[in-house]
Amino acid sequence: MKLRWWALFALVIGMLMGPHLASIPGFVMVGTGHYTVELRLSLTLALITVVMLGVLLAGAALGTAGSLKGHVRWIARSRRQRRSRLKTQEGIRALTEGRWRDAETMMVEAAKASEFKLINYLGAAMAAQENGALDRRDAHLRMAHVTDPDADIAVGLMEARLHLRSGHYEHALVVLQQLDRVAPRHAPALKLLQHVLRHLHDYHALERLLPRLRKYEVLPEARLAKLETEILRARLSTAGDDVALLRTLWRSASRAARRDVTTFVVYVRALVKAGSIHEAEKLTRKFIETLWDKDLIALYGEIPGRDAALQLTTAEQWALKRQPDAVMQMTFARLAVRAQNWLKAQRYLNELVRSAPSTEAWLMLADVYERLQEPDQVKACISAALKQAKQK
């Protein structure tokens, strides 16, 4: 377009200035060696103008040729990218249809000229995973990282999920810990990290992670409360004989966790295991006074307190307010056996096997009859226990 305007401008100038230039007097002499050329001044000016126009035309032609070459390259590149997009589309379709080998092949081929190399390599890694080709999966993940170094989080999350799909929780943990150092506030990475830590039963690490899970709202509050309770139970179960640690864990727990019956049962059993039996019995008795629960009633019968007879008397008071059920009768029987009150134990166990017979109850009754030196009853109870066991 510019060339046309320049040509038109030169034509107008030539028409206007041509007659004036032709009338200019004078000559121009050009010589070299033994040769000399003499030209009219007007002709010399005309020749210079023509040469300049030729140079301009040549430059324009070269520019047009370069532009044409660039246009051809653009067309070729567009065609490659279009083919790449079609292969990417086919690869995604193959992934969703479960054609893993086709999906991997298409995704890798598409990545060569794709605008979305990251997506192609991640898709190829997923397909290789499903094919069981873990080496190729890792190679595709490396290529995804090389292609887009800023996509550490996306590639890391995909790698962690693929490790989990293979059941390699330890490998996933390594990847997620690296991500956690890079992006400590990334909610999906934190959520996946807590899932892995729960599976690996690393409750110390979960306890350290819990404040961030709450701060960044990674999980709903109900899930966080449940996780907190789960951590507390695990810590209580693994505290061993350290009574001071048990008390510290329990006092530092939330009120909701301490009111949870299942968690309280874990705490009391941990106290019994650590040797703090009197404390366990006292706490359980107080809890039952505020909350009637079958698990607490059963727990009370399992605690080997200092005075089993006093425990039995305490428990029998409950029957004045509530109709005894199978759980209460089993608790009474256990406490009576521990107090060596064989007649009461016999009565409670006979009531129990009539209302809710079980192998355990029959065997306990057989032991009581042995203490009472009634061998025929012992044989009958053992026979009933075997029959009860076969019915399960």
Protein backbone atom coordinates (compact mmCIF):
# COMPACT_ATOMS: atom_id res chain seq x y z
CA MET A 1 0.00 0.00 0.00
CA LYS A 2 2.84 2.38 0.86
CA LEU A 3 4.56 1.53 -2.48
CA ARG A 4 1.52 2.74 -4.41
CA TRP A 5 1.50 6.05 -2.61
CA TRP A 6 5.22 6.51 -3.20
CA ALA A 7 4.79 5.77 -6.94
CA LEU A 8 1.89 8.21 -7.15
CA PHE A 9 3.92 10.84 -5.32
CA ALA A 10 6.89 10.32 -7.71
CA LEU A 11 4.59 10.60 -10.73
CA VAL A 12 3.09 13.87 -9.55
CA ILE A 13 6.53 15.31 -8.76
CA GLY A 14 7.80 14.23 -12.19
CA MET A 15 4.86 15.87 -13.95
CA LEU A 16 5.26 19.10 -12.03
CA MET A 17 9.05 19.30 -11.91
CA GLY A 18 9.93 17.57 -15.19
CA PRO A 19 9.66 20.60 -17.51
CA HIS A 20 11.56 22.76 -15.03
CA LEU A 21 14.36 20.23 -14.64
CA ALA A 22 14.66 19.82 -18.43
CA SER A 23 15.28 23.54 -18.84
CA ILE A 24 18.13 23.66 -16.36
CA PRO A 25 21.36 24.41 -18.28
CA GLY A 26 24.67 22.74 -17.58
CA PHE A 27 26.44 19.40 -17.92
CA VAL A 28 27.75 16.70 -15.62
CA MET A 29 31.01 14.99 -16.52
CA VAL A 30 31.89 11.60 -14.98
CA GLY A 31 35.29 10.12 -15.67
CA THR A 32 37.27 7.04 -14.69
CA GLY A 33 40.66 6.09 -16.09
CA HIS A 34 40.73 6.81 -19.85
CA TYR A 35 36.91 7.06 -20.12
CA THR A 36 34.83 10.17 -19.72
CA VAL A 37 31.04 10.52 -19.91
CA GLU A 38 29.34 13.85 -20.32
CA LEU A 39 25.61 14.17 -19.55
CA ARG A 40 23.18 16.97 -19.40
CA LEU A 41 22.37 18.04 -15.86
CA SER A 42 18.64 17.44 -16.36
CA LEU A 43 19.28 13.89 -17.59
CA THR A 44 21.61 13.21 -14.67
CA LEU A 45 18.91 14.28 -12.22
CA ALA A 46 16.36 12.08 -13.98
CA LEU A 47 18.68 9.06 -13.83
CA ILE A 48 19.31 9.62 -10.10
CA THR A 49 15.54 9.75 -9.54
CA VAL A 50 15.01 6.50 -11.47
CA VAL A 51 17.79 4.75 -9.50
CA MET A 52 16.27 5.86 -6.22
CA LEU A 53 12.83 4.62 -7.27
CA GLY A 54 14.42 1.29 -8.27
CA VAL A 55 16.02 0.94 -4.86
CA LEU A 56 12.67 1.67 -3.19
CA LEU A 57 10.88 -0.84 -5.41
CA ALA A 58 13.50 -3.52 -4.68
CA GLY A 59 13.23 -2.93 -0.93
CA ALA A 60 9.45 -3.13 -1.12
CA ALA A 61 9.66 -6.34 -3.12
CA LEU A 62 12.01 -7.90 -0.57
CA GLY A 63 9.72 -6.85 2.26
CA THR A 64 6.77 -8.41 0.47
CA ALA A 65 8.74 -11.62 -0.03
CA GLY A 66 9.67 -11.72 3.67
CA SER A 67 6.07 -11.11 4.63
CA LEU A 68 4.92 -13.86 2.31
CA LYS A 69 7.46 -16.28 3.82
CA GLY A 70 6.27 -15.37 7.32
CA HIS A 71 2.67 -15.86 6.23
CA VAL A 72 3.49 -19.31 4.85
CA ARG A 73 5.18 -20.20 8.14
CA TRP A 74 2.14 -18.94 10.07
CA ILE A 75 -0.18 -21.07 7.94
CA ALA A 76 2.00 -24.16 8.51
CA ARG A 77 2.18 -23.53 12.24
CA SER A 78 -1.59 -23.01 12.41
CA ARG A 79 -2.14 -26.31 10.64
CA ARG A 80 0.15 -28.14 13.09
CA GLN A 81 -1.61 -26.55 16.05
CA ARG A 82 -5.00 -27.46 14.62
CA ARG A 83 -3.90 -31.09 14.19
CA SER A 84 -2.50 -30.97 17.73
CA ARG A 85 -5.80 -29.68 19.11
CA LEU A 86 -7.68 -32.45 17.35
CA LYS A 87 -5.28 -35.06 18.79
CA THR A 88 -5.65 -33.53 22.24
CA GLN A 89 -9.42 -33.76 21.89
CA GLU A 90 -9.18 -37.38 20.78
CA GLY A 91 -6.75 -38.10 23.61
CA ILE A 92 -9.14 -36.68 26.21
CA ARG A 93 -11.94 -38.75 24.71
CA ALA A 94 -9.78 -41.86 24.90
CA LEU A 95 -9.01 -41.09 28.55
CA THR A 96 -12.67 -40.81 29.45
CA GLU A 97 -13.45 -44.02 27.55
CA GLY A 98 -10.65 -45.93 29.27
CA ARG A 99 -8.57 -46.50 26.11
CA TRP A 100 -5.35 -45.86 27.97
CA ARG A 101 -2.81 -46.87 25.30
CA ASP A 102 -4.49 -44.74 22.62
CA ALA A 103 -4.83 -41.84 25.05
CA GLU A 104 -1.14 -41.89 25.96
CA THR A 105 -0.03 -42.06 22.33
CA MET A 106 -2.30 -39.22 21.22
CA MET A 107 -1.39 -36.98 24.14
CA VAL A 108 2.35 -37.40 23.55
CA GLU A 109 2.02 -36.75 19.80
CA ALA A 110 -0.19 -33.73 20.42
CA ALA A 111 2.34 -32.25 22.84
CA LYS A 112 4.88 -31.77 20.03
CA ALA A 113 2.99 -28.80 18.56
CA SER A 114 0.41 -28.14 21.25
CA GLU A 115 -0.39 -24.84 22.91
CA PHE A 116 -1.33 -26.89 25.98
CA LYS A 117 1.73 -29.07 26.52
CA LEU A 118 1.12 -29.23 30.27
CA ILE A 119 -2.34 -30.71 29.76
CA ASN A 120 -1.02 -33.17 27.18
CA TYR A 121 1.77 -34.50 29.39
CA LEU A 122 -0.46 -34.72 32.46
CA GLY A 123 -3.02 -36.64 30.43
CA ALA A 124 -0.29 -38.93 29.10
CA ALA A 125 0.89 -39.54 32.70
CA MET A 126 -2.64 -40.53 33.74
CA ALA A 127 -2.93 -42.94 30.81
CA ALA A 128 0.50 -44.46 31.51
CA GLN A 129 -0.52 -44.94 35.15
CA GLU A 130 -3.59 -46.91 34.10
CA ASN A 131 -1.43 -48.93 31.71
CA GLY A 132 0.84 -49.85 34.60
CA ALA A 133 3.78 -48.11 32.91
CA LEU A 134 5.08 -46.25 35.94
CA ASP A 135 8.42 -45.37 34.33
CA ARG A 136 6.66 -43.69 31.40
CA ARG A 137 4.30 -41.99 33.84
CA ASP A 138 7.24 -40.43 35.69
CA ALA A 139 8.84 -39.39 32.39
CA HIS A 140 5.64 -37.62 31.32
CA LEU A 141 5.46 -35.84 34.65
CA ARG A 142 9.05 -34.65 34.26
CA MET A 143 8.22 -33.33 30.79
CA ALA A 144 5.19 -31.53 32.19
CA HIS A 145 7.44 -29.78 34.71
CA VAL A 146 10.06 -28.91 32.07
CA THR A 147 7.36 -27.56 29.76
CA ASP A 148 5.87 -25.30 32.42
CA PRO A 149 8.24 -24.77 35.38
CA ASP A 150 5.65 -22.50 37.04
CA ALA A 151 3.17 -25.38 37.30
CA ASP A 152 4.87 -27.05 40.30
CA ILE A 153 1.64 -27.27 42.26
CA ALA A 154 -0.43 -28.73 39.42
CA VAL A 155 2.21 -31.29 38.51
CA GLY A 156 2.87 -32.13 42.17
CA LEU A 157 -0.81 -32.68 42.94
CA MET A 158 -1.19 -34.90 39.90
CA GLU A 159 1.91 -36.89 40.87
CA ALA A 160 0.65 -37.32 44.43
CA ARG A 161 -2.78 -38.48 43.27
CA LEU A 162 -1.23 -40.98 40.87
CA HIS A 163 0.96 -42.37 43.68
CA LEU A 164 -2.15 -42.75 45.83
CA ARG A 165 -3.94 -44.52 43.01
CA SER A 166 -1.02 -46.99 42.98
CA GLY A 167 -1.24 -47.37 46.77
CA HIS A 168 2.19 -45.78 47.27
CA TYR A 169 1.29 -43.54 50.21
CA GLU A 170 4.90 -42.99 51.26
CA HIS A 171 5.82 -41.64 47.80
CA ALA A 172 2.75 -39.41 47.84
CA LEU A 173 3.77 -38.09 51.25
CA VAL A 174 7.21 -37.07 49.97
CA VAL A 175 5.67 -35.15 47.06
CA LEU A 176 3.06 -33.46 49.28
CA GLN A 177 5.67 -32.44 51.85
CA GLN A 178 7.65 -30.77 49.06
CA LEU A 179 4.49 -28.99 47.92
CA ASP A 180 3.80 -27.92 51.48
CA ARG A 181 7.15 -26.18 51.64
CA VAL A 182 6.44 -24.37 48.37
CA ALA A 183 2.77 -23.53 49.00
CA PRO A 184 1.91 -23.92 52.70
CA ARG A 185 -1.51 -22.29 52.22
CA HIS A 186 -2.72 -24.33 49.27
CA ALA A 187 -6.00 -25.89 50.46
CA PRO A 188 -6.23 -28.87 48.02
CA ALA A 189 -2.63 -29.84 48.82
CA LEU A 190 -3.31 -29.58 52.57
CA LYS A 191 -6.45 -31.67 52.23
CA LEU A 192 -4.58 -34.37 50.36
CA LEU A 193 -1.74 -34.23 52.91
CA GLN A 194 -4.10 -34.83 55.84
CA HIS A 195 -5.64 -37.77 53.98
CA VAL A 196 -2.21 -39.37 53.52
CA LEU A 197 -1.18 -38.72 57.13
CA ARG A 198 -4.40 -40.31 58.39
CA HIS A 199 -3.81 -43.38 56.26
CA LEU A 200 -0.25 -43.65 57.58
CA HIS A 201 -1.46 -43.09 61.18
CA ASP A 202 1.01 -40.24 61.68
CA TYR A 203 -1.08 -38.47 64.31
CA HIS A 204 1.78 -36.32 65.59
CA ALA A 205 2.10 -34.74 62.14
CA LEU A 206 -1.68 -34.47 61.89
CA GLU A 207 -1.79 -32.64 65.20
CA ARG A 208 0.76 -30.11 63.90
CA LEU A 209 -1.21 -29.74 60.67
CA LEU A 210 -4.60 -29.25 62.34
CA PRO A 211 -4.26 -25.47 63.04
CA ARG A 212 -3.57 -24.76 59.36
CA LEU A 213 -6.45 -26.98 58.28
CA ARG A 214 -8.72 -24.84 60.44
CA LYS A 215 -7.11 -21.48 59.54
CA TYR A 216 -7.39 -21.98 55.79
CA GLU A 217 -10.81 -23.69 56.02
CA VAL A 218 -9.58 -26.83 54.29
CA LEU A 219 -12.30 -28.99 55.87
CA PRO A 220 -15.76 -28.23 57.28
CA GLU A 221 -15.83 -27.58 61.00
CA ALA A 222 -17.65 -30.86 61.66
CA ARG A 223 -14.90 -32.79 59.88
CA LEU A 224 -12.22 -30.86 61.75
CA ALA A 225 -13.86 -31.67 65.09
CA LYS A 226 -14.02 -35.34 64.11
CA LEU A 227 -10.36 -35.27 63.06
CA GLU A 228 -9.38 -33.60 66.33
CA THR A 229 -11.17 -36.34 68.26
CA GLU A 230 -9.50 -39.03 66.16
CA ILE A 231 -6.07 -37.52 66.87
CA LEU A 232 -6.81 -37.38 70.58
CA ARG A 233 -7.87 -41.04 70.67
CA ALA A 234 -4.73 -42.10 68.85
CA ARG A 235 -2.48 -40.07 71.16
CA LEU A 236 -4.22 -41.50 74.24
CA SER A 237 -3.89 -45.05 72.94
CA THR A 238 -0.16 -44.68 72.34
CA ALA A 239 0.77 -42.77 75.51
CA GLY A 240 1.80 -46.00 77.26
CA ASP A 241 2.39 -45.78 81.02
CA ASP A 242 2.84 -42.01 81.06
CA VAL A 243 -0.06 -40.93 83.28
CA ALA A 244 1.09 -37.30 83.26
CA LEU A 245 0.98 -37.23 79.46
CA LEU A 246 -2.49 -38.81 79.48
CA ARG A 247 -3.78 -36.13 81.83
CA THR A 248 -2.17 -33.36 79.78
CA LEU A 249 -3.69 -34.63 76.55
CA TRP A 250 -7.10 -34.93 78.14
CA ARG A 251 -7.08 -31.49 79.76
CA SER A 252 -5.87 -29.79 76.58
CA ALA A 253 -8.64 -31.39 74.51
CA SER A 254 -11.75 -29.44 73.58
CA ARG A 255 -14.87 -29.75 75.70
CA ALA A 256 -16.67 -31.49 72.85
CA ALA A 257 -13.91 -34.12 72.62
CA ARG A 258 -14.01 -34.74 76.37
CA ARG A 259 -17.78 -35.17 76.24
CA ASP A 260 -17.50 -37.78 73.49
CA VAL A 261 -18.23 -41.19 75.05
CA THR A 262 -16.00 -43.19 72.70
CA THR A 263 -13.05 -40.88 73.38
CA PHE A 264 -13.68 -41.02 77.12
CA VAL A 265 -13.67 -44.83 76.99
CA VAL A 266 -10.28 -44.71 75.26
CA TYR A 267 -8.97 -42.36 77.96
CA VAL A 268 -10.21 -44.51 80.86
CA ARG A 269 -8.76 -47.69 79.35
CA ALA A 270 -5.45 -45.87 78.87
CA LEU A 271 -5.51 -44.86 82.54
CA VAL A 272 -6.20 -48.46 83.59
CA LYS A 273 -3.36 -49.67 81.40
CA ALA A 274 -1.04 -47.06 82.93
CA GLY A 275 -2.00 -48.22 86.44
CA SER A 276 -4.17 -45.26 87.48
CA ILE A 277 -7.15 -47.52 88.19
CA HIS A 278 -8.73 -45.54 91.04
CA GLU A 279 -8.76 -42.38 88.91
CA ALA A 280 -10.33 -44.32 86.02
CA GLU A 281 -13.10 -45.73 88.25
CA LYS A 282 -13.86 -42.37 89.82
CA LEU A 283 -14.04 -40.52 86.48
CA THR A 284 -16.28 -43.20 84.95
CA ARG A 285 -18.66 -43.15 87.91
CA LYS A 286 -18.99 -39.36 87.69
CA PHE A 287 -19.52 -39.46 83.95
CA ILE A 288 -22.33 -42.02 84.34
CA GLU A 289 -24.02 -39.68 86.84
CA THR A 290 -24.21 -36.98 84.16
CA LEU A 291 -24.68 -39.12 81.07
CA TRP A 292 -26.32 -42.53 80.95
CA ASP A 293 -24.72 -44.55 78.19
CA LYS A 294 -24.43 -48.29 77.63
CA ASP A 295 -20.77 -48.06 76.69
CA LEU A 296 -20.04 -46.33 79.99
CA ILE A 297 -22.00 -48.99 81.93
CA ALA A 298 -20.02 -51.75 80.21
CA LEU A 299 -16.76 -49.87 80.84
CA TYR A 300 -17.48 -49.59 84.56
CA GLY A 301 -17.72 -53.35 84.80
CA GLU A 302 -14.29 -53.74 83.18
CA ILE A 303 -12.41 -51.47 85.62
CA PRO A 304 -10.56 -53.54 88.26
CA GLY A 305 -11.10 -51.09 91.13
CA ARG A 306 -9.64 -51.29 94.60
CA ASP A 307 -12.97 -52.38 96.15
CA ALA A 308 -14.99 -54.57 93.79
CA ALA A 309 -17.74 -55.03 96.39
CA LEU A 310 -18.17 -51.24 96.66
CA GLN A 311 -18.22 -50.99 92.86
CA LEU A 312 -20.94 -53.64 92.76
CA THR A 313 -23.00 -51.79 95.36
CA THR A 314 -22.64 -48.56 93.38
CA ALA A 315 -23.71 -50.25 90.17
CA GLU A 316 -26.70 -51.98 91.77
CA GLN A 317 -28.08 -48.56 92.71
CA TRP A 318 -28.64 -47.92 89.00
CA ALA A 319 -31.22 -50.70 88.92
CA LEU A 320 -33.37 -48.65 91.30
CA LYS A 321 -33.78 -45.98 88.62
CA ARG A 322 -33.60 -48.01 85.42
CA GLN A 323 -34.80 -51.40 84.28
CA PRO A 324 -31.74 -53.68 84.06
CA ASP A 325 -30.84 -54.71 80.52
CA ALA A 326 -28.23 -57.10 79.14
CA VAL A 327 -25.42 -54.55 79.47
CA MET A 328 -26.23 -53.77 83.11
CA GLN A 329 -26.58 -57.49 83.97
CA MET A 330 -23.17 -58.24 82.42
CA THR A 331 -21.63 -55.35 84.41
CA PHE A 332 -23.24 -56.63 87.64
CA ALA A 333 -21.99 -60.15 86.90
CA ARG A 334 -18.42 -59.02 86.21
CA LEU A 335 -18.28 -56.96 89.38
CA ALA A 336 -19.79 -59.83 91.41
CA VAL A 337 -17.17 -62.24 90.04
CA ARG A 338 -14.41 -59.76 90.85
CA ALA A 339 -15.85 -59.36 94.37
CA GLN A 340 -16.03 -63.19 94.57
CA ASN A 341 -19.71 -62.98 95.37
CA TRP A 342 -20.51 -66.19 93.54
CA LEU A 343 -24.21 -66.33 94.42
CA LYS A 344 -24.89 -62.87 93.03
CA ALA A 345 -22.77 -63.65 90.01
CA GLN A 346 -24.80 -66.86 89.47
CA ARG A 347 -28.09 -64.92 89.71
CA TYR A 348 -27.08 -62.15 87.34
CA LEU A 349 -25.59 -64.56 84.79
CA ASN A 350 -28.64 -66.83 84.83
CA GLU A 351 -30.83 -63.79 84.17
CA LEU A 352 -28.45 -62.79 81.38
CA VAL A 353 -28.41 -66.14 79.56
CA ARG A 354 -32.22 -66.19 79.66
CA SER A 355 -32.64 -62.69 78.23
CA ALA A 356 -29.57 -62.34 76.00
CA PRO A 357 -27.52 -65.55 75.81
CA SER A 358 -23.93 -65.28 74.58
CA THR A 359 -20.86 -67.49 74.52
CA GLU A 360 -19.11 -65.19 76.99
CA ALA A 361 -22.01 -65.29 79.45
CA TRP A 362 -22.25 -69.11 79.35
CA LEU A 363 -18.50 -69.48 79.93
CA MET A 364 -18.59 -67.01 82.83
CA LEU A 365 -21.49 -68.97 84.33
CA ALA A 366 -19.54 -72.21 83.92
CA ASP A 367 -16.66 -70.66 85.85
CA VAL A 368 -19.01 -69.54 88.61
CA TYR A 369 -20.54 -73.05 88.93
CA GLU A 370 -17.02 -74.45 89.12
CA ARG A 371 -16.37 -72.10 92.03
CA LEU A 372 -19.62 -73.35 93.58
CA GLN A 373 -18.48 -76.94 92.94
CA GLU A 374 -21.40 -77.95 90.73
CA PRO A 375 -19.76 -80.05 87.97
CA ASP A 376 -23.00 -81.00 86.24
CA GLN A 377 -23.91 -77.34 85.81
CA VAL A 378 -20.40 -76.62 84.56
CA LYS A 379 -20.79 -79.24 81.80
CA ALA A 380 -24.23 -77.92 80.88
CA CYS A 381 -22.94 -74.34 80.61
CA ILE A 382 -19.94 -75.36 78.48
CA SER A 383 -22.24 -77.34 76.20
CA ALA A 384 -24.53 -74.29 75.87
CA ALA A 385 -21.49 -72.08 75.13
CA LEU A 386 -20.39 -74.40 72.31
CA LYS A 387 -23.89 -74.46 70.89
CA GLN A 388 -24.07 -70.67 71.11
CA ALA A 389 -20.74 -70.35 69.30
CA LYS A 390 -21.93 -72.56 66.44
CA GLN A 391 -24.97 -70.34 65.92
CA LYS A 392 -22.81 -67.32 65.08
